Amino acid sequence: MDNRFRDNNTKSIQEILNKILDSPELRQGVRETRVLKAWNSLLGPMAEKITKNIYIKGGVLYVSLNSSVIRNDLLMHKSKIIESLNKEAGAKVISDIVLR
């Protein structure tokens, strides 16, 4: 085998993947995805029925709901929901929730 083109700084695929996954942007994106998934698991089967739209912008979770009754109920538990979502993400991702 010809070693002329072999790089002495070769790295394993695992090392390369770890470096990519350790980037702050990707880490934040993964955490935000965990929060969005946790919303459905936190609310259970009704989450998909009542949630019209959900997204995160600037640390704020925006949720559009079909039911004003459920919106008011969720508002009463807002701080507990934020705490649960951040716990699921493994970091403080959400600082506030806007329910519409």
PDB file of N, CA and C in Angstrom:
ATOM      1  N   MET A   1       0.842  -1.178   0.000  1.00  0.00           N
ATOM      2  CA  MET A   1       0.000   0.000   0.000  1.00  0.00           C
ATOM      3  C   MET A   1       0.887   1.241   0.000  1.00  0.00           C
ATOM      4  N   ASP A   2       0.521   2.208  -0.788  1.00  0.00           N
ATOM      5  CA  ASP A   2       1.279   3.441  -0.912  1.00  0.00           C
ATOM      6  C   ASP A   2       0.883   4.401   0.218  1.00  0.00           C
ATOM      7  N   ASN A   3       1.827   4.776   1.056  1.00  0.00           N
ATOM      8  CA  ASN A   3       1.547   5.628   2.212  1.00  0.00           C
ATOM      9  C   ASN A   3       1.805   7.106   1.941  1.00  0.00           C
ATOM     10  N   ARG A   4       2.052   7.469   0.689  1.00  0.00           N
ATOM     11  CA  ARG A   4       2.341   8.865   0.381  1.00  0.00           C
ATOM     12  C   ARG A   4       1.175   9.786   0.708  1.00  0.00           C
ATOM     13  N   PHE A   5      -0.038   9.293   0.573  1.00  0.00           N
ATOM     14  CA  PHE A   5      -1.212  10.142   0.762  1.00  0.00           C
ATOM     15  C   PHE A   5      -1.826  10.001   2.150  1.00  0.00           C
ATOM     16  N   ARG A   6      -1.219   9.216   2.958  1.00  0.00           N
ATOM     17  CA  ARG A   6      -1.761   8.978   4.298  1.00  0.00           C
ATOM     18  C   ARG A   6      -1.438  10.178   5.191  1.00  0.00           C
ATOM     19  N   ASP A   7      -2.434  10.638   5.897  1.00  0.00           N
ATOM     20  CA  ASP A   7      -2.281  11.770   6.798  1.00  0.00           C
ATOM     21  C   ASP A   7      -1.908  11.251   8.181  1.00  0.00           C
ATOM     22  N   ASN A   8      -0.906  11.825   8.776  1.00  0.00           N
ATOM     23  CA  ASN A   8      -0.491  11.406  10.113  1.00  0.00           C
ATOM     24  C   ASN A   8      -1.472  11.860  11.183  1.00  0.00           C
ATOM     25  N   ASN A   9      -2.358  12.758  10.839  1.00  0.00           N
ATOM     26  CA  ASN A   9      -3.343  13.268  11.790  1.00  0.00           C
ATOM     27  C   ASN A   9      -4.695  12.591  11.608  1.00  0.00           C
ATOM     28  N   THR A  10      -4.691  11.338  11.245  1.00  0.00           N
ATOM     29  CA  THR A  10      -5.961  10.639  11.046  1.00  0.00           C
ATOM     30  C   THR A  10      -6.694  10.506  12.369  1.00  0.00           C
ATOM     31  N   LYS A  11      -8.018  10.564  12.275  1.00  0.00           N
ATOM     32  CA  LYS A  11      -8.866  10.472  13.459  1.00  0.00           C
ATOM     33  C   LYS A  11      -9.943   9.437  13.206  1.00  0.00           C
ATOM     34  N   SER A  12     -10.395   8.867  14.275  1.00  0.00           N
ATOM     35  CA  SER A  12     -11.464   7.883  14.134  1.00  0.00           C
ATOM     36  C   SER A  12     -12.779   8.599  13.833  1.00  0.00           C
ATOM     37  N   ILE A  13     -13.698   7.869  13.270  1.00  0.00           N
ATOM     38  CA  ILE A  13     -15.019   8.427  12.984  1.00  0.00           C
ATOM     39  C   ILE A  13     -15.662   8.911  14.278  1.00  0.00           C
ATOM     40  N   GLN A  14     -15.468   8.165  15.356  1.00  0.00           N
ATOM     41  CA  GLN A  14     -16.032   8.549  16.661  1.00  0.00           C
ATOM     42  C   GLN A  14     -15.510   9.914  17.101  1.00  0.00           C
ATOM     43  N   GLU A  15     -14.216  10.159  16.928  1.00  0.00           N
ATOM     44  CA  GLU A  15     -13.632  11.448  17.307  1.00  0.00           C
ATOM     45  C   GLU A  15     -14.226  12.581  16.478  1.00  0.00           C
ATOM     46  N   ILE A  16     -14.396  12.335  15.199  1.00  0.00           N
ATOM     47  CA  ILE A  16     -14.958  13.354  14.311  1.00  0.00           C
ATOM     48  C   ILE A  16     -16.405  13.648  14.685  1.00  0.00           C
ATOM     49  N   LEU A  17     -17.194  12.600  14.914  1.00  0.00           N
ATOM     50  CA  LEU A  17     -18.593  12.794  15.303  1.00  0.00           C
ATOM     51  C   LEU A  17     -18.704  13.527  16.637  1.00  0.00           C
ATOM     52  N   ASN A  18     -17.870  13.181  17.589  1.00  0.00           N
ATOM     53  CA  ASN A  18     -17.893  13.867  18.885  1.00  0.00           C
ATOM     54  C   ASN A  18     -17.588  15.351  18.729  1.00  0.00           C
ATOM     55  N   LYS A  19     -16.632  15.663  17.866  1.00  0.00           N
ATOM     56  CA  LYS A  19     -16.285  17.068  17.642  1.00  0.00           C
ATOM     57  C   LYS A  19     -17.456  17.816  17.006  1.00  0.00           C
ATOM     58  N   ILE A  20     -18.113  17.200  16.046  1.00  0.00           N
ATOM     59  CA  ILE A  20     -19.272  17.821  15.395  1.00  0.00           C
ATOM     60  C   ILE A  20     -20.406  18.007  16.397  1.00  0.00           C
ATOM     61  N   LEU A  21     -20.685  16.969  17.166  1.00  0.00           N
ATOM     62  CA  LEU A  21     -21.796  17.020  18.118  1.00  0.00           C
ATOM     63  C   LEU A  21     -21.523  17.954  19.287  1.00  0.00           C
ATOM     64  N   ASP A  22     -20.264  18.283  19.527  1.00  0.00           N
ATOM     65  CA  ASP A  22     -19.929  19.202  20.611  1.00  0.00           C
ATOM     66  C   ASP A  22     -20.034  20.666  20.205  1.00  0.00           C
ATOM     67  N   SER A  23     -20.371  20.951  18.969  1.00  0.00           N
ATOM     68  CA  SER A  23     -20.501  22.343  18.562  1.00  0.00           C
ATOM     69  C   SER A  23     -21.708  22.964  19.269  1.00  0.00           C
ATOM     70  N   PRO A  24     -21.564  24.175  19.789  1.00  0.00           N
ATOM     71  CA  PRO A  24     -22.646  24.812  20.553  1.00  0.00           C
ATOM     72  C   PRO A  24     -23.957  24.944  19.775  1.00  0.00           C
ATOM     73  N   GLU A  25     -23.869  25.240  18.494  1.00  0.00           N
ATOM     74  CA  GLU A  25     -25.077  25.414  17.691  1.00  0.00           C
ATOM     75  C   GLU A  25     -25.861  24.114  17.585  1.00  0.00           C
ATOM     76  N   LEU A  26     -25.159  23.043  17.319  1.00  0.00           N
ATOM     77  CA  LEU A  26     -25.819  21.747  17.186  1.00  0.00           C
ATOM     78  C   LEU A  26     -26.359  21.274  18.531  1.00  0.00           C
ATOM     79  N   ARG A  27     -25.590  21.495  19.576  1.00  0.00           N
ATOM     80  CA  ARG A  27     -26.027  21.101  20.919  1.00  0.00           C
ATOM     81  C   ARG A  27     -27.329  21.820  21.284  1.00  0.00           C
ATOM     82  N   GLN A  28     -27.407  23.119  20.983  1.00  0.00           N
ATOM     83  CA  GLN A  28     -28.620  23.887  21.274  1.00  0.00           C
ATOM     84  C   GLN A  28     -29.789  23.367  20.447  1.00  0.00           C
ATOM     85  N   GLY A  29     -29.544  23.050  19.199  1.00  0.00           N
ATOM     86  CA  GLY A  29     -30.596  22.508  18.341  1.00  0.00           C
ATOM     87  C   GLY A  29     -31.123  21.174  18.847  1.00  0.00           C
ATOM     88  N   VAL A  30     -30.227  20.337  19.332  1.00  0.00           N
ATOM     89  CA  VAL A  30     -30.634  19.039  19.883  1.00  0.00           C
ATOM     90  C   VAL A  30     -31.479  19.251  21.133  1.00  0.00           C
ATOM     91  N   ARG A  31     -31.069  20.176  21.974  1.00  0.00           N
ATOM     92  CA  ARG A  31     -31.837  20.456  23.197  1.00  0.00           C
ATOM     93  C   ARG A  31     -33.223  21.002  22.867  1.00  0.00           C
ATOM     94  N   GLU A  32     -33.305  21.880  21.878  1.00  0.00           N
ATOM     95  CA  GLU A  32     -34.608  22.419  21.483  1.00  0.00           C
ATOM     96  C   GLU A  32     -35.503  21.319  20.931  1.00  0.00           C
ATOM     97  N   THR A  33     -34.930  20.409  20.178  1.00  0.00           N
ATOM     98  CA  THR A  33     -35.702  19.277  19.661  1.00  0.00           C
ATOM     99  C   THR A  33     -36.217  18.413  20.804  1.00  0.00           C
ATOM    100  N   ARG A  34     -35.393  18.231  21.820  1.00  0.00           N
ATOM    101  CA  ARG A  34     -35.836  17.467  22.997  1.00  0.00           C
ATOM    102  C   ARG A  34     -37.022  18.146  23.678  1.00  0.00           C
ATOM    103  N   VAL A  35     -36.984  19.476  23.751  1.00  0.00           N
ATOM    104  CA  VAL A  35     -38.094  20.218  24.367  1.00  0.00           C
ATOM    105  C   VAL A  35     -39.372  20.010  23.569  1.00  0.00           C
ATOM    106  N   LEU A  36     -39.288  20.105  22.255  1.00  0.00           N
ATOM    107  CA  LEU A  36     -40.478  19.938  21.418  1.00  0.00           C
ATOM    108  C   LEU A  36     -41.062  18.536  21.559  1.00  0.00           C
ATOM    109  N   LYS A  37     -40.209  17.538  21.624  1.00  0.00           N
ATOM    110  CA  LYS A  37     -40.687  16.163  21.821  1.00  0.00           C
ATOM    111  C   LYS A  37     -41.250  15.985  23.227  1.00  0.00           C
ATOM    112  N   ALA A  38     -40.618  16.625  24.199  1.00  0.00           N
ATOM    113  CA  ALA A  38     -41.070  16.510  25.587  1.00  0.00           C
ATOM    114  C   ALA A  38     -42.451  17.127  25.769  1.00  0.00           C
ATOM    115  N   TRP A  39     -42.781  18.134  24.968  1.00  0.00           N
ATOM    116  CA  TRP A  39     -44.117  18.748  25.046  1.00  0.00           C
ATOM    117  C   TRP A  39     -45.187  17.684  24.833  1.00  0.00           C
ATOM    118  N   ASN A  40     -45.007  16.870  23.815  1.00  0.00           N
ATOM    119  CA  ASN A  40     -45.985  15.815  23.525  1.00  0.00           C
ATOM    120  C   ASN A  40     -46.030  14.761  24.623  1.00  0.00           C
ATOM    121  N   SER A  41     -44.872  14.381  25.145  1.00  0.00           N
ATOM    122  CA  SER A  41     -44.881  13.358  26.191  1.00  0.00           C
ATOM    123  C   SER A  41     -45.402  13.921  27.513  1.00  0.00           C
ATOM    124  N   LEU A  42     -45.169  15.198  27.761  1.00  0.00           N
ATOM    125  CA  LEU A  42     -45.637  15.830  28.994  1.00  0.00           C
ATOM    126  C   LEU A  42     -47.159  15.928  29.026  1.00  0.00           C
ATOM    127  N   LEU A  43     -47.751  16.298  27.890  1.00  0.00           N
ATOM    128  CA  LEU A  43     -49.204  16.463  27.835  1.00  0.00           C
ATOM    129  C   LEU A  43     -49.933  15.175  27.493  1.00  0.00           C
ATOM    130  N   GLY A  44     -49.189  14.193  27.027  1.00  0.00           N
ATOM    131  CA  GLY A  44     -49.813  12.911  26.713  1.00  0.00           C
ATOM    132  C   GLY A  44     -50.504  12.912  25.365  1.00  0.00           C
ATOM    133  N   PRO A  45     -51.441  11.982  25.180  1.00  0.00           N
ATOM    134  CA  PRO A  45     -52.090  11.801  23.881  1.00  0.00           C
ATOM    135  C   PRO A  45     -52.874  13.019  23.399  1.00  0.00           C
ATOM    136  N   MET A  46     -53.324  13.861  24.314  1.00  0.00           N
ATOM    137  CA  MET A  46     -54.114  15.021  23.894  1.00  0.00           C
ATOM    138  C   MET A  46     -53.253  16.107  23.253  1.00  0.00           C
ATOM    139  N   ALA A  47     -51.931  16.045  23.441  1.00  0.00           N
ATOM    140  CA  ALA A  47     -51.040  17.089  22.934  1.00  0.00           C
ATOM    141  C   ALA A  47     -51.201  17.306  21.435  1.00  0.00           C
ATOM    142  N   GLU A  48     -51.220  16.232  20.682  1.00  0.00           N
ATOM    143  CA  GLU A  48     -51.332  16.356  19.226  1.00  0.00           C
ATOM    144  C   GLU A  48     -52.684  16.914  18.807  1.00  0.00           C
ATOM    145  N   LYS A  49     -53.712  16.613  19.578  1.00  0.00           N
ATOM    146  CA  LYS A  49     -55.057  17.083  19.244  1.00  0.00           C
ATOM    147  C   LYS A  49     -55.227  18.574  19.508  1.00  0.00           C
ATOM    148  N   ILE A  50     -54.602  19.082  20.571  1.00  0.00           N
ATOM    149  CA  ILE A  50     -54.824  20.477  20.950  1.00  0.00           C
ATOM    150  C   ILE A  50     -53.766  21.435  20.425  1.00  0.00           C
ATOM    151  N   THR A  51     -52.588  20.931  20.049  1.00  0.00           N
ATOM    152  CA  THR A  51     -51.492  21.789  19.605  1.00  0.00           C
ATOM    153  C   THR A  51     -51.569  22.001  18.097  1.00  0.00           C
ATOM    154  N   LYS A  52     -51.759  23.273  17.705  1.00  0.00           N
ATOM    155  CA  LYS A  52     -51.786  23.599  16.276  1.00  0.00           C
ATOM    156  C   LYS A  52     -50.381  23.861  15.750  1.00  0.00           C
ATOM    157  N   ASN A  53     -49.596  24.608  16.529  1.00  0.00           N
ATOM    158  CA  ASN A  53     -48.249  24.973  16.101  1.00  0.00           C
ATOM    159  C   ASN A  53     -47.380  25.141  17.341  1.00  0.00           C
ATOM    160  N   ILE A  54     -46.126  24.760  17.231  1.00  0.00           N
ATOM    161  CA  ILE A  54     -45.200  24.895  18.355  1.00  0.00           C
ATOM    162  C   ILE A  54     -43.799  25.152  17.808  1.00  0.00           C
ATOM    163  N   TYR A  55     -43.125  26.165  18.388  1.00  0.00           N
ATOM    164  CA  TYR A  55     -41.745  26.454  17.989  1.00  0.00           C
ATOM    165  C   TYR A  55     -41.042  27.222  19.105  1.00  0.00           C
ATOM    166  N   ILE A  56     -39.719  27.267  19.014  1.00  0.00           N
ATOM    167  CA  ILE A  56     -38.894  27.963  20.000  1.00  0.00           C
ATOM    168  C   ILE A  56     -38.153  29.084  19.292  1.00  0.00           C
ATOM    169  N   LYS A  57     -38.183  30.264  19.909  1.00  0.00           N
ATOM    170  CA  LYS A  57     -37.445  31.398  19.361  1.00  0.00           C
ATOM    171  C   LYS A  57     -36.911  32.218  20.536  1.00  0.00           C
ATOM    172  N   GLY A  58     -35.611  32.360  20.597  1.00  0.00           N
ATOM    173  CA  GLY A  58     -34.997  33.163  21.645  1.00  0.00           C
ATOM    174  C   GLY A  58     -35.267  32.672  23.052  1.00  0.00           C
ATOM    175  N   GLY A  59     -35.335  31.374  23.229  1.00  0.00           N
ATOM    176  CA  GLY A  59     -35.568  30.811  24.549  1.00  0.00           C
ATOM    177  C   GLY A  59     -37.021  30.826  24.993  1.00  0.00           C
ATOM    178  N   VAL A  60     -37.908  31.239  24.098  1.00  0.00           N
ATOM    179  CA  VAL A  60     -39.342  31.272  24.404  1.00  0.00           C
ATOM    180  C   VAL A  60     -40.042  30.203  23.568  1.00  0.00           C
ATOM    181  N   LEU A  61     -40.850  29.395  24.240  1.00  0.00           N
ATOM    182  CA  LEU A  61     -41.634  28.361  23.564  1.00  0.00           C
ATOM    183  C   LEU A  61     -42.987  28.960  23.208  1.00  0.00           C
ATOM    184  N   TYR A  62     -43.291  29.000  21.925  1.00  0.00           N
ATOM    185  CA  TYR A  62     -44.574  29.515  21.440  1.00  0.00           C
ATOM    186  C   TYR A  62     -45.453  28.330  21.067  1.00  0.00           C
ATOM    187  N   VAL A  63     -46.646  28.299  21.644  1.00  0.00           N
ATOM    188  CA  VAL A  63     -47.563  27.193  21.396  1.00  0.00           C
ATOM    189  C   VAL A  63     -48.925  27.754  21.022  1.00  0.00           C
ATOM    190  N   SER A  64     -49.422  27.364  19.852  1.00  0.00           N
ATOM    191  CA  SER A  64     -50.786  27.708  19.439  1.00  0.00           C
ATOM    192  C   SER A  64     -51.676  26.519  19.757  1.00  0.00           C
ATOM    193  N   LEU A  65     -52.756  26.790  20.470  1.00  0.00           N
ATOM    194  CA  LEU A  65     -53.648  25.722  20.923  1.00  0.00           C
ATOM    195  C   LEU A  65     -55.038  25.873  20.320  1.00  0.00           C
ATOM    196  N   ASN A  66     -55.761  24.758  20.241  1.00  0.00           N
ATOM    197  CA  ASN A  66     -57.134  24.753  19.738  1.00  0.00           C
ATOM    198  C   ASN A  66     -58.149  25.122  20.810  1.00  0.00           C
ATOM    199  N   SER A  67     -57.783  24.984  22.068  1.00  0.00           N
ATOM    200  CA  SER A  67     -58.739  25.121  23.159  1.00  0.00           C
ATOM    201  C   SER A  67     -58.323  26.217  24.136  1.00  0.00           C
ATOM    202  N   SER A  68     -59.195  27.203  24.326  1.00  0.00           N
ATOM    203  CA  SER A  68     -58.906  28.266  25.290  1.00  0.00           C
ATOM    204  C   SER A  68     -59.005  27.750  26.721  1.00  0.00           C
ATOM    205  N   VAL A  69     -59.835  26.757  26.949  1.00  0.00           N
ATOM    206  CA  VAL A  69     -59.969  26.173  28.284  1.00  0.00           C
ATOM    207  C   VAL A  69     -58.653  25.504  28.696  1.00  0.00           C
ATOM    208  N   ILE A  70     -58.088  24.726  27.791  1.00  0.00           N
ATOM    209  CA  ILE A  70     -56.815  24.052  28.083  1.00  0.00           C
ATOM    210  C   ILE A  70     -55.693  25.076  28.183  1.00  0.00           C
ATOM    211  N   ARG A  71     -55.745  26.112  27.359  1.00  0.00           N
ATOM    212  CA  ARG A  71     -54.737  27.174  27.425  1.00  0.00           C
ATOM    213  C   ARG A  71     -54.713  27.790  28.824  1.00  0.00           C
ATOM    214  N   ASN A  72     -55.880  28.104  29.362  1.00  0.00           N
ATOM    215  CA  ASN A  72     -55.952  28.685  30.704  1.00  0.00           C
ATOM    216  C   ASN A  72     -55.444  27.711  31.765  1.00  0.00           C
ATOM    217  N   ASP A  73     -55.758  26.453  31.605  1.00  0.00           N
ATOM    218  CA  ASP A  73     -55.279  25.434  32.538  1.00  0.00           C
ATOM    219  C   ASP A  73     -53.753  25.340  32.489  1.00  0.00           C
ATOM    220  N   LEU A  74     -53.193  25.352  31.281  1.00  0.00           N
ATOM    221  CA  LEU A  74     -51.738  25.273  31.135  1.00  0.00           C
ATOM    222  C   LEU A  74     -51.054  26.522  31.683  1.00  0.00           C
ATOM    223  N   LEU A  75     -51.690  27.675  31.543  1.00  0.00           N
ATOM    224  CA  LEU A  75     -51.119  28.913  32.078  1.00  0.00           C
ATOM    225  C   LEU A  75     -50.946  28.842  33.593  1.00  0.00           C
ATOM    226  N   MET A  76     -51.863  28.166  34.264  1.00  0.00           N
ATOM    227  CA  MET A  76     -51.766  28.031  35.720  1.00  0.00           C
ATOM    228  C   MET A  76     -50.573  27.165  36.128  1.00  0.00           C
ATOM    229  N   HIS A  77     -50.119  26.302  35.235  1.00  0.00           N
ATOM    230  CA  HIS A  77     -49.005  25.392  35.528  1.00  0.00           C
ATOM    231  C   HIS A  77     -47.752  25.749  34.727  1.00  0.00           C
ATOM    232  N   LYS A  78     -47.688  26.968  34.255  1.00  0.00           N
ATOM    233  CA  LYS A  78     -46.627  27.402  33.352  1.00  0.00           C
ATOM    234  C   LYS A  78     -45.214  27.159  33.913  1.00  0.00           C
ATOM    235  N   SER A  79     -44.962  27.559  35.145  1.00  0.00           N
ATOM    236  CA  SER A  79     -43.606  27.413  35.699  1.00  0.00           C
ATOM    237  C   SER A  79     -43.225  25.942  35.866  1.00  0.00           C
ATOM    238  N   LYS A  80     -44.177  25.122  36.224  1.00  0.00           N
ATOM    239  CA  LYS A  80     -43.910  23.688  36.367  1.00  0.00           C
ATOM    240  C   LYS A  80     -43.631  23.056  34.994  1.00  0.00           C
ATOM    241  N   ILE A  81     -44.343  23.501  33.973  1.00  0.00           N
ATOM    242  CA  ILE A  81     -44.133  22.997  32.608  1.00  0.00           C
ATOM    243  C   ILE A  81     -42.734  23.382  32.122  1.00  0.00           C
ATOM    244  N   ILE A  82     -42.352  24.639  32.348  1.00  0.00           N
ATOM    245  CA  ILE A  82     -41.016  25.105  31.944  1.00  0.00           C
ATOM    246  C   ILE A  82     -39.940  24.269  32.628  1.00  0.00           C
ATOM    247  N   GLU A  83     -40.111  24.047  33.914  1.00  0.00           N
ATOM    248  CA  GLU A  83     -39.144  23.247  34.675  1.00  0.00           C
ATOM    249  C   GLU A  83     -39.037  21.827  34.116  1.00  0.00           C
ATOM    250  N   SER A  84     -40.167  21.212  33.824  1.00  0.00           N
ATOM    251  CA  SER A  84     -40.170  19.840  33.290  1.00  0.00           C
ATOM    252  C   SER A  84     -39.523  19.767  31.912  1.00  0.00           C
ATOM    253  N   LEU A  85     -39.818  20.742  31.054  1.00  0.00           N
ATOM    254  CA  LEU A  85     -39.247  20.750  29.703  1.00  0.00           C
ATOM    255  C   LEU A  85     -37.735  20.944  29.747  1.00  0.00           C
ATOM    256  N   ASN A  86     -37.269  21.859  30.588  1.00  0.00           N
ATOM    257  CA  ASN A  86     -35.827  22.086  30.712  1.00  0.00           C
ATOM    258  C   ASN A  86     -35.120  20.867  31.298  1.00  0.00           C
ATOM    259  N   LYS A  87     -35.769  20.208  32.229  1.00  0.00           N
ATOM    260  CA  LYS A  87     -35.188  18.992  32.807  1.00  0.00           C
ATOM    261  C   LYS A  87     -35.027  17.925  31.730  1.00  0.00           C
ATOM    262  N   GLU A  88     -36.031  17.792  30.891  1.00  0.00           N
ATOM    263  CA  GLU A  88     -35.980  16.811  29.802  1.00  0.00           C
ATOM    264  C   GLU A  88     -34.874  17.152  28.801  1.00  0.00           C
ATOM    265  N   ALA A  89     -34.639  18.446  28.570  1.00  0.00           N
ATOM    266  CA  ALA A  89     -33.607  18.882  27.620  1.00  0.00           C
ATOM    267  C   ALA A  89     -32.204  18.762  28.202  1.00  0.00           C
ATOM    268  N   GLY A  90     -32.098  18.712  29.524  1.00  0.00           N
ATOM    269  CA  GLY A  90     -30.793  18.615  30.153  1.00  0.00           C
ATOM    270  C   GLY A  90     -30.102  19.945  30.354  1.00  0.00           C
ATOM    271  N   ALA A  91     -30.810  21.046  30.113  1.00  0.00           N
ATOM    272  CA  ALA A  91     -30.257  22.389  30.291  1.00  0.00           C
ATOM    273  C   ALA A  91     -31.407  23.386  30.253  1.00  0.00           C
ATOM    274  N   LYS A  92     -31.110  24.632  30.643  1.00  0.00           N
ATOM    275  CA  LYS A  92     -32.143  25.663  30.583  1.00  0.00           C
ATOM    276  C   LYS A  92     -32.260  26.157  29.142  1.00  0.00           C
ATOM    277  N   VAL A  93     -33.244  25.634  28.453  1.00  0.00           N
ATOM    278  CA  VAL A  93     -33.486  25.989  27.057  1.00  0.00           C
ATOM    279  C   VAL A  93     -34.639  26.985  26.978  1.00  0.00           C
ATOM    280  N   ILE A  94     -35.650  26.774  27.811  1.00  0.00           N
ATOM    281  CA  ILE A  94     -36.869  27.576  27.786  1.00  0.00           C
ATOM    282  C   ILE A  94     -36.906  28.488  29.003  1.00  0.00           C
ATOM    283  N   SER A  95     -37.093  29.792  28.771  1.00  0.00           N
ATOM    284  CA  SER A  95     -37.231  30.737  29.878  1.00  0.00           C
ATOM    285  C   SER A  95     -38.678  31.190  30.049  1.00  0.00           C
ATOM    286  N   ASP A  96     -39.488  31.011  28.997  1.00  0.00           N
ATOM    287  CA  ASP A  96     -40.889  31.428  29.059  1.00  0.00           C
ATOM    288  C   ASP A  96     -41.696  30.629  28.044  1.00  0.00           C
ATOM    289  N   ILE A  97     -43.005  30.603  28.267  1.00  0.00           N
ATOM    290  CA  ILE A  97     -43.922  29.957  27.327  1.00  0.00           C
ATOM    291  C   ILE A  97     -45.018  30.952  26.985  1.00  0.00           C
ATOM    292  N   VAL A  98     -45.282  31.098  25.703  1.00  0.00           N
ATOM    293  CA  VAL A  98     -46.395  31.923  25.236  1.00  0.00           C
ATOM    294  C   VAL A  98     -47.433  30.978  24.659  1.00  0.00           C
ATOM    295  N   LEU A  99     -48.602  30.953  25.290  1.00  0.00           N
ATOM    296  CA  LEU A  99     -49.698  30.091  24.842  1.00  0.00           C
ATOM    297  C   LEU A  99     -50.716  30.953  24.128  1.00  0.00           C
ATOM    298  N   ARG A 100     -51.050  30.573  22.914  1.00  0.00           N
ATOM    299  CA  ARG A 100     -51.997  31.350  22.105  1.00  0.00           C
ATOM    300  C   ARG A 100     -53.212  30.530  21.792  1.00  0.00           C
TER     301      ARG A 100
END
